[in-house]
Each structure stands twice: as C-alpha cells, then as structure tokens.
C-alpha atoms as a PDB file:
ATOM      1  CA  MET A   1       0.119   0.029  -0.018  1.00  0.00           C
ATOM      2  CA  ALA A   2       1.450   3.223  -1.086  1.00  0.00           C
ATOM      3  CA  PRO A   3       2.035   5.920   1.595  1.00  0.00           C
ATOM      4  CA  HIS A   4      -0.149   9.027   1.124  1.00  0.00           C
ATOM      5  CA  SER A   5       1.658  12.212   0.552  1.00  0.00           C
ATOM      6  CA  ALA A   6       0.637  15.622   1.559  1.00  0.00           C
ATOM      7  CA  VAL A   7       1.674  16.868  -1.683  1.00  0.00           C
ATOM      8  CA  PRO A   8      -0.343  14.848  -4.399  1.00  0.00           C
ATOM      9  CA  ALA A   9       1.570  13.890  -7.457  1.00  0.00           C
ATOM     10  CA  ALA A  10       0.804  15.979 -10.543  1.00  0.00           C
ATOM     11  CA  ALA A  11       2.327  16.398 -14.093  1.00  0.00           C
ATOM     12  CA  LYS A  12       3.713  19.723 -15.491  1.00  0.00           C
ATOM     13  CA  THR A  13       1.339  21.544 -17.906  1.00  0.00           C
ATOM     14  CA  GLY A  14       4.065  22.130 -20.625  1.00  0.00           C
ATOM     15  CA  SER A  15       3.232  19.017 -22.485  1.00  0.00           C
ATOM     16  CA  PRO A  16       0.851  18.894 -25.528  1.00  0.00           C
ATOM     17  CA  TYR A  17      -1.639  16.731 -23.678  1.00  0.00           C
ATOM     18  CA  PHE A  18      -2.704  19.578 -21.214  1.00  0.00           C
ATOM     19  CA  SER A  19      -3.381  21.962 -24.023  1.00  0.00           C
ATOM     20  CA  THR A  20      -5.317  19.278 -25.903  1.00  0.00           C
ATOM     21  CA  VAL A  21      -7.777  18.970 -22.793  1.00  0.00           C
ATOM     22  CA  LEU A  22      -7.910  22.312 -22.407  1.00  0.00           C
ATOM     23  CA  ALA A  23      -9.268  23.192 -25.745  1.00  0.00           C
ATOM     24  CA  LEU A  24     -11.690  20.282 -25.448  1.00  0.00           C
ATOM     25  CA  MET A  25     -12.931  21.928 -22.318  1.00  0.00           C
ATOM     26  CA  ALA A  26     -13.345  25.126 -23.850  1.00  0.00           C
ATOM     27  CA  ILE A  27     -15.370  24.083 -26.794  1.00  0.00           C
ATOM     28  CA  VAL A  28     -17.523  21.873 -24.666  1.00  0.00           C
ATOM     29  CA  VAL A  29     -18.445  24.741 -22.472  1.00  0.00           C
ATOM     30  CA  VAL A  30     -19.198  27.243 -25.311  1.00  0.00           C
ATOM     31  CA  LEU A  31     -21.380  24.800 -27.259  1.00  0.00           C
ATOM     32  CA  SER A  32     -23.317  23.799 -23.974  1.00  0.00           C
ATOM     33  CA  ASN A  33     -23.790  27.375 -23.291  1.00  0.00           C
ATOM     34  CA  ILE A  34     -25.612  27.688 -26.716  1.00  0.00           C
ATOM     35  CA  GLY A  35     -27.504  24.727 -26.476  1.00  0.00           C
ATOM     36  CA  ALA A  36     -28.726  25.822 -22.779  1.00  0.00           C
ATOM     37  CA  THR A  37     -30.738  28.552 -24.466  1.00  0.00           C
ATOM     38  CA  LYS A  38     -33.209  25.986 -25.643  1.00  0.00           C
ATOM     39  CA  GLY A  39     -35.741  24.430 -23.117  1.00  0.00           C
ATOM     40  CA  VAL A  40     -36.090  20.778 -23.694  1.00  0.00           C
ATOM     41  CA  GLU A  41     -38.858  18.258 -22.650  1.00  0.00           C
ATOM     42  CA  PHE A  42     -38.973  14.519 -22.205  1.00  0.00           C
ATOM     43  CA  GLY A  43     -42.268  13.846 -21.074  1.00  0.00           C
ATOM     44  CA  PRO A  44     -42.236  15.126 -17.608  1.00  0.00           C
ATOM     45  CA  ILE A  45     -38.498  15.668 -17.626  1.00  0.00           C
ATOM     46  CA  VAL A  46     -37.370  19.344 -18.048  1.00  0.00           C
ATOM     47  CA  THR A  47     -33.868  20.190 -19.026  1.00  0.00           C
ATOM     48  CA  ASP A  48     -32.263  22.422 -21.843  1.00  0.00           C
ATOM     49  CA  GLY A  49     -30.312  21.686 -25.239  1.00  0.00           C
ATOM     50  CA  GLY A  50     -26.894  21.370 -23.605  1.00  0.00           C
ATOM     51  CA  PHE A  51     -27.528  18.525 -21.218  1.00  0.00           C
ATOM     52  CA  PHE A  52     -25.679  15.986 -23.129  1.00  0.00           C
ATOM     53  CA  LEU A  53     -22.628  18.350 -23.481  1.00  0.00           C
ATOM     54  CA  PHE A  54     -21.962  19.667 -19.967  1.00  0.00           C
ATOM     55  CA  PRO A  55     -21.033  16.520 -18.031  1.00  0.00           C
ATOM     56  CA  LEU A  56     -18.207  15.864 -20.418  1.00  0.00           C
ATOM     57  CA  ALA A  57     -16.507  19.311 -19.046  1.00  0.00           C
ATOM     58  CA  TYR A  58     -16.527  17.757 -15.455  1.00  0.00           C
ATOM     59  CA  ILE A  59     -14.978  14.722 -16.706  1.00  0.00           C
ATOM     60  CA  LEU A  60     -12.458  16.485 -18.539  1.00  0.00           C
ATOM     61  CA  GLY A  61     -12.114  18.612 -15.079  1.00  0.00           C
ATOM     62  CA  ASP A  62     -11.513  15.513 -13.457  1.00  0.00           C
ATOM     63  CA  VAL A  63      -8.937  14.629 -15.857  1.00  0.00           C
ATOM     64  CA  VAL A  64      -6.977  17.704 -15.226  1.00  0.00           C
ATOM     65  CA  SER A  65      -7.322  17.921 -11.431  1.00  0.00           C
ATOM     66  CA  GLU A  66      -6.022  14.304 -11.256  1.00  0.00           C
ATOM     67  CA  VAL A  67      -3.203  14.470 -13.634  1.00  0.00           C
ATOM     68  CA  TYR A  68      -2.191  17.991 -13.470  1.00  0.00           C
ATOM     69  CA  GLY A  69      -3.340  19.214  -9.919  1.00  0.00           C
ATOM     70  CA  PHE A  70      -5.337  22.107  -8.689  1.00  0.00           C
ATOM     71  CA  LYS A  71      -3.523  24.978  -9.867  1.00  0.00           C
ATOM     72  CA  ALA A  72      -3.671  23.626 -13.339  1.00  0.00           C
ATOM     73  CA  ALA A  73      -7.488  23.033 -13.133  1.00  0.00           C
ATOM     74  CA  ARG A  74      -7.844  26.607 -11.828  1.00  0.00           C
ATOM     75  CA  ARG A  75      -6.218  27.858 -14.864  1.00  0.00           C
ATOM     76  CA  ALA A  76      -8.206  25.540 -17.048  1.00  0.00           C
ATOM     77  CA  ILE A  77     -11.529  27.224 -15.438  1.00  0.00           C
ATOM     78  CA  ILE A  78     -10.345  30.603 -15.906  1.00  0.00           C
ATOM     79  CA  THR A  79      -9.200  30.088 -19.474  1.00  0.00           C
ATOM     80  CA  THR A  80     -12.433  28.322 -20.435  1.00  0.00           C
ATOM     81  CA  PHE A  81     -14.786  31.145 -19.229  1.00  0.00           C
ATOM     82  CA  ALA A  82     -12.665  33.851 -20.602  1.00  0.00           C
ATOM     83  CA  LEU A  83     -13.254  32.198 -24.045  1.00  0.00           C
ATOM     84  CA  SER A  84     -16.940  31.875 -23.212  1.00  0.00           C
ATOM     85  CA  VAL A  85     -17.076  35.631 -22.262  1.00  0.00           C
ATOM     86  CA  PHE A  86     -15.343  36.371 -25.690  1.00  0.00           C
ATOM     87  CA  THR A  87     -17.716  33.988 -27.649  1.00  0.00           C
ATOM     88  CA  THR A  88     -20.767  35.904 -26.087  1.00  0.00           C
ATOM     89  CA  LEU A  89     -19.163  39.356 -27.026  1.00  0.00           C
ATOM     90  CA  CYS A  90     -18.702  38.100 -30.764  1.00  0.00           C
ATOM     91  CA  PHE A  91     -22.472  37.235 -30.789  1.00  0.00           C
ATOM     92  CA  TRP A  92     -23.401  40.387 -29.385  1.00  0.00           C
ATOM     93  CA  VAL A  93     -21.399  41.989 -32.432  1.00  0.00           C
ATOM     94  CA  ILE A  94     -22.687  39.717 -34.813  1.00  0.00           C
ATOM     95  CA  ILE A  95     -26.357  40.389 -33.695  1.00  0.00           C
ATOM     96  CA  ALA A  96     -25.664  44.372 -33.816  1.00  0.00           C
ATOM     97  CA  LEU A  97     -24.276  44.343 -37.493  1.00  0.00           C
ATOM     98  CA  PRO A  98     -26.750  45.639 -39.975  1.00  0.00           C
ATOM     99  CA  GLY A  99     -27.983  42.421 -42.086  1.00  0.00           C
ATOM    100  CA  ALA A 100     -27.881  42.565 -45.691  1.00  0.00           C
ATOM    101  CA  SER A 101     -31.292  43.008 -47.626  1.00  0.00           C
ATOM    102  CA  TRP A 102     -31.748  39.646 -48.443  1.00  0.00           C
ATOM    103  CA  TYR A 103     -31.069  38.188 -44.858  1.00  0.00           C
ATOM    104  CA  GLU A 104     -34.053  37.003 -43.196  1.00  0.00           C
ATOM    105  CA  GLY A 105     -32.620  35.221 -40.118  1.00  0.00           C
ATOM    106  CA  GLN A 106     -32.070  38.373 -37.924  1.00  0.00           C
ATOM    107  CA  ASP A 107     -34.958  37.498 -35.591  1.00  0.00           C
ATOM    108  CA  ALA A 108     -33.987  33.855 -34.946  1.00  0.00           C
ATOM    109  CA  LEU A 109     -30.192  34.637 -34.659  1.00  0.00           C
ATOM    110  CA  ALA A 110     -31.118  37.317 -31.944  1.00  0.00           C
ATOM    111  CA  ALA A 111     -33.803  35.091 -30.256  1.00  0.00           C
ATOM    112  CA  THR A 112     -31.113  31.922 -30.101  1.00  0.00           C
ATOM    113  CA  LEU A 113     -27.858  33.842 -29.267  1.00  0.00           C
ATOM    114  CA  GLY A 114     -29.148  37.067 -27.686  1.00  0.00           C
ATOM    115  CA  PRO A 115     -30.007  35.269 -24.331  1.00  0.00           C
ATOM    116  CA  VAL A 116     -26.679  33.528 -24.118  1.00  0.00           C
ATOM    117  CA  TRP A 117     -24.763  36.053 -22.063  1.00  0.00           C
ATOM    118  CA  GLN A 118     -27.432  35.161 -19.215  1.00  0.00           C
ATOM    119  CA  ILE A 119     -26.488  31.504 -19.800  1.00  0.00           C
ATOM    120  CA  VAL A 120     -22.735  32.413 -19.751  1.00  0.00           C
ATOM    121  CA  ALA A 121     -23.301  34.273 -16.451  1.00  0.00           C
ATOM    122  CA  ALA A 122     -24.979  31.377 -15.084  1.00  0.00           C
ATOM    123  CA  SER A 123     -22.025  29.041 -16.245  1.00  0.00           C
ATOM    124  CA  LEU A 124     -19.478  31.271 -15.053  1.00  0.00           C
ATOM    125  CA  LEU A 125     -20.887  31.297 -11.595  1.00  0.00           C
ATOM    126  CA  GLY A 126     -22.102  27.766 -11.686  1.00  0.00           C
ATOM    127  CA  PHE A 127     -19.300  26.174 -13.202  1.00  0.00           C
ATOM    128  CA  ALA A 128     -16.559  28.028 -11.683  1.00  0.00           C
ATOM    129  CA  VAL A 129     -17.828  27.415  -8.283  1.00  0.00           C
ATOM    130  CA  GLY A 130     -18.703  23.791  -8.982  1.00  0.00           C
ATOM    131  CA  GLN A 131     -15.453  22.899 -10.838  1.00  0.00           C
ATOM    132  CA  LEU A 132     -13.404  24.321  -8.226  1.00  0.00           C
ATOM    133  CA  LEU A 133     -15.143  22.710  -5.323  1.00  0.00           C
ATOM    134  CA  ASN A 134     -14.759  19.449  -7.523  1.00  0.00           C
ATOM    135  CA  SER A 135     -11.026  19.715  -8.134  1.00  0.00           C
ATOM    136  CA  TYR A 136     -10.474  20.866  -4.401  1.00  0.00           C
ATOM    137  CA  VAL A 137     -12.386  17.882  -3.077  1.00  0.00           C
ATOM    138  CA  LEU A 138     -10.517  15.550  -5.594  1.00  0.00           C
ATOM    139  CA  VAL A 139      -7.014  16.732  -4.921  1.00  0.00           C
ATOM    140  CA  ARG A 140      -7.510  16.997  -1.026  1.00  0.00           C
ATOM    141  CA  MET A 141      -8.671  13.266  -0.909  1.00  0.00           C
ATOM    142  CA  LYS A 142      -5.584  12.550  -3.274  1.00  0.00           C
ATOM    143  CA  ALA A 143      -3.257  14.082  -0.661  1.00  0.00           C
ATOM    144  CA  ARG A 144      -4.950  12.001   2.207  1.00  0.00           C
ATOM    145  CA  PHE A 145      -5.132   8.560   0.085  1.00  0.00           C
ATOM    146  CA  GLY A 146      -2.459   8.978  -2.460  1.00  0.00           C
ATOM    147  CA  GLU A 147      -2.986   6.979  -5.779  1.00  0.00           C
ATOM    148  CA  ARG A 148      -5.497   4.861  -4.362  1.00  0.00           C
ATOM    149  CA  ALA A 149      -9.185   5.171  -4.153  1.00  0.00           C
ATOM    150  CA  LEU A 150      -9.493   7.163  -7.565  1.00  0.00           C
ATOM    151  CA  ILE A 151     -13.018   5.967  -8.106  1.00  0.00           C
ATOM    152  CA  GLY A 152     -14.015   7.085  -4.749  1.00  0.00           C
ATOM    153  CA  ARG A 153     -12.365  10.447  -5.297  1.00  0.00           C
ATOM    154  CA  LEU A 154     -14.222  10.829  -8.333  1.00  0.00           C
ATOM    155  CA  LEU A 155     -17.571   9.999  -7.154  1.00  0.00           C
ATOM    156  CA  GLY A 156     -17.125  12.146  -4.028  1.00  0.00           C
ATOM    157  CA  SER A 157     -15.807  15.122  -5.881  1.00  0.00           C
ATOM    158  CA  THR A 158     -18.708  14.888  -8.355  1.00  0.00           C
ATOM    159  CA  GLY A 159     -21.302  15.065  -5.890  1.00  0.00           C
ATOM    160  CA  VAL A 160     -20.233  17.984  -4.144  1.00  0.00           C
ATOM    161  CA  GLY A 161     -19.192  19.841  -7.431  1.00  0.00           C
ATOM    162  CA  GLU A 162     -22.376  19.155  -9.444  1.00  0.00           C
ATOM    163  CA  PHE A 163     -24.695  20.078  -6.500  1.00  0.00           C
ATOM    164  CA  ALA A 164     -23.215  23.636  -6.321  1.00  0.00           C
ATOM    165  CA  ASP A 165     -23.199  24.026 -10.050  1.00  0.00           C
ATOM    166  CA  THR A 166     -26.468  22.929 -10.812  1.00  0.00           C
ATOM    167  CA  LEU A 167     -28.186  24.856  -8.034  1.00  0.00           C
ATOM    168  CA  ILE A 168     -26.481  28.030  -8.885  1.00  0.00           C
ATOM    169  CA  PHE A 169     -26.679  27.629 -12.821  1.00  0.00           C
ATOM    170  CA  CYS A 170     -30.464  26.666 -12.746  1.00  0.00           C
ATOM    171  CA  SER A 171     -31.212  29.679 -10.490  1.00  0.00           C
ATOM    172  CA  ILE A 172     -30.029  32.034 -13.163  1.00  0.00           C
ATOM    173  CA  ALA A 173     -30.646  29.966 -16.392  1.00  0.00           C
ATOM    174  CA  ALA A 174     -34.509  29.122 -15.351  1.00  0.00           C
ATOM    175  CA  GLY A 175     -35.973  32.539 -16.404  1.00  0.00           C
ATOM    176  CA  VAL A 176     -33.956  32.549 -19.663  1.00  0.00           C
ATOM    177  CA  ILE A 177     -35.520  29.431 -21.004  1.00  0.00           C
ATOM    178  CA  GLY A 178     -39.106  30.268 -19.489  1.00  0.00           C
ATOM    179  CA  ILE A 179     -39.138  28.385 -16.400  1.00  0.00           C
ATOM    180  CA  THR A 180     -41.302  30.327 -13.929  1.00  0.00           C
ATOM    181  CA  ASP A 181     -43.295  28.309 -11.543  1.00  0.00           C
ATOM    182  CA  ALA A 182     -41.549  26.738  -8.373  1.00  0.00           C
ATOM    183  CA  GLY A 183     -42.603  22.878  -9.317  1.00  0.00           C
ATOM    184  CA  THR A 184     -40.880  23.338 -12.808  1.00  0.00           C
ATOM    185  CA  PHE A 185     -37.676  24.897 -11.534  1.00  0.00           C
ATOM    186  CA  ILE A 186     -37.454  22.233  -8.466  1.00  0.00           C
ATOM    187  CA  ASN A 187     -37.694  19.563 -11.415  1.00  0.00           C
ATOM    188  CA  TYR A 188     -35.021  21.414 -13.607  1.00  0.00           C
ATOM    189  CA  VAL A 189     -32.610  21.520 -10.639  1.00  0.00           C
ATOM    190  CA  VAL A 190     -33.125  17.789  -9.601  1.00  0.00           C
ATOM    191  CA  VAL A 191     -33.133  16.490 -12.951  1.00  0.00           C
ATOM    192  CA  GLY A 192     -30.073  18.357 -13.939  1.00  0.00           C
ATOM    193  CA  PHE A 193     -27.933  17.270 -10.667  1.00  0.00           C
ATOM    194  CA  LEU A 194     -29.264  13.465 -10.846  1.00  0.00           C
ATOM    195  CA  TYR A 195     -28.554  13.714 -14.724  1.00  0.00           C
ATOM    196  CA  LYS A 196     -25.163  15.291 -14.639  1.00  0.00           C
ATOM    197  CA  THR A 197     -24.298  13.161 -11.730  1.00  0.00           C
ATOM    198  CA  ALA A 198     -25.205  10.027 -13.194  1.00  0.00           C
ATOM    199  CA  VAL A 199     -23.434  10.506 -16.498  1.00  0.00           C
ATOM    200  CA  GLU A 200     -20.105  11.102 -14.421  1.00  0.00           C
ATOM    201  CA  VAL A 201     -20.836   7.733 -12.427  1.00  0.00           C
ATOM    202  CA  LEU A 202     -21.738   6.029 -15.727  1.00  0.00           C
ATOM    203  CA  PHE A 203     -18.342   7.284 -17.227  1.00  0.00           C
ATOM    204  CA  VAL A 204     -16.423   6.657 -14.272  1.00  0.00           C
ATOM    205  CA  PRO A 205     -14.803   3.603 -15.930  1.00  0.00           C
ATOM    206  CA  VAL A 206     -13.991   5.832 -19.173  1.00  0.00           C
ATOM    207  CA  THR A 207     -12.652   8.679 -16.835  1.00  0.00           C
ATOM    208  CA  THR A 208     -10.240   6.324 -14.793  1.00  0.00           C
ATOM    209  CA  ALA A 209      -8.979   4.638 -17.831  1.00  0.00           C
ATOM    210  CA  VAL A 210      -8.381   8.224 -19.691  1.00  0.00           C
ATOM    211  CA  ILE A 211      -6.665   9.261 -16.264  1.00  0.00           C
ATOM    212  CA  ALA A 212      -4.404   6.306 -16.523  1.00  0.00           C
ATOM    213  CA  TRP A 213      -3.702   6.955 -20.043  1.00  0.00           C
ATOM    214  CA  PHE A 214      -2.416  10.281 -19.304  1.00  0.00           C
ATOM    215  CA  LYS A 215      -0.441   9.046 -16.226  1.00  0.00           C
ATOM    216  CA  ARG A 216       1.326   6.541 -18.360  1.00  0.00           C
ATOM    217  CA  ARG A 217       2.404   9.260 -21.149  1.00  0.00           C
ATOM    218  CA  GLU A 218       3.067  12.179 -19.044  1.00  0.00           C
ATOM    219  CA  PRO A 219       6.832  11.993 -18.439  1.00  0.00           C
ATOM    220  CA  THR A 220       6.861  14.545 -15.710  1.00  0.00           C
ATOM    221  CA  TYR A 221       4.012  12.471 -13.545  1.00  0.00           C
ATOM    222  CA  ALA A 222       5.975  10.525 -10.832  1.00  0.00           C
ATOM    223  CA  VAL A 223       4.604   8.949  -7.775  1.00  0.00           C
ATOM    224  CA  ALA A 224       6.650   9.109  -4.861  1.00  0.00           C
ATOM    225  CA  ASP A 225       7.835   5.872  -3.433  1.00  0.00           C
END
C-alpha cells in the first residue's frame, strides 16, 4: 500500500496533452452555453439543449485535476470562461451588425444567441464554483489517499461539485428558458443534478482509463515511493 503524500503527484502543464484537454473543455462549455438557451422536455423531464454536453466538461475537469493538480485545474477554468465571455461578445457584435437586404434570419439569430450572455453568467458562477469545489475535493482526497481510491475520489468530488453547479446555474438560467413556477424549477434542478451526476458515474470507467492513459504518457508525472 503506497503511503499518502501531503503534496499529491501532478504532471507539469507544458506538454501538448494538457493543451488538448484545455481546448476540449473550452469548446464543450461554449457549445453547452449555446445549447442551454433551448428548453427541452422529455415527457415530465425538463432540461435544456446543452444537457448532453456539460457533463463532459466535468469529466475533462477530473482529468486535469487528477493528472495536473489544482492550480492547473483553476487555470483551465479561468481560460475556459474567458473564452466563453469572448464568444458571447462576438455574438453581440454579430447580432448588432446590420443585416444584408436578403438576410431573413435576424430575429431567429437574436432569439437564439441573444440570451446567451445570461447563460454564460450562470455558467461562470455555477461551473466556476462547482469545478473549483470538484477539483479541490478530488485533490485533497488524493493528498490523503495517494494514488489509491481513485473511483471514490471521482464520485465524492462529483457529488459536491455538481450540486453547487446545478443549483447556481439553474437559479439564473431558469428564467432565460422560460421556467417561472416553483415546481418546474425544482424539477429542473433535481433532474439536472441527477442527470449530470449519473452521467459522470456511468463514465467513471472511461474517466479512470483516460486518467491512467495520461499518467502513463506524461513524462513529468511521478508517484513518490
């Protein structure tokens, strides 16, 4: 049994692997922000159009936290949302530009991309708080258990991070997609939390395999003897 270390092992971020994961996180969050402007119903289940994308950002966040550490995860979160803000500013400019005489999609464009700034604000608060909590819990558990109990670290950090994220995000985004009554809002929060958590739990074998792949290939990742 490997002894735990007060400073958990982490690879340096100078490799191309880190930049690839960072790029994937950014595009997933940007696309999920756009998709979240559409309310979606599956019978009694209420969600939004970004439901199938956002859990992937947490899975990628787990990879960054476990392999590269808390500082790298914090940097990835800040970079991702800086790019999200930039994307929203670009949408504002595109909507404000005068349309050509033959262009007939202005109203649809504004209706679809116009509310994105509110979704980004919800994501900035929800995802930032949730991801930071997720990363902090995972890394602190790693400091306690070393390389052991990876599945437990993933599940424990997921529960904390996803709950904070979902509650903050839904509180802001609900009005954007037309949710106004308490019952539907509670449905939105509960379904969002359970769904996102269930996806991460379902993908734990994939997440652990990806983490192991990165650890094997990162030359600067070394576990203390």
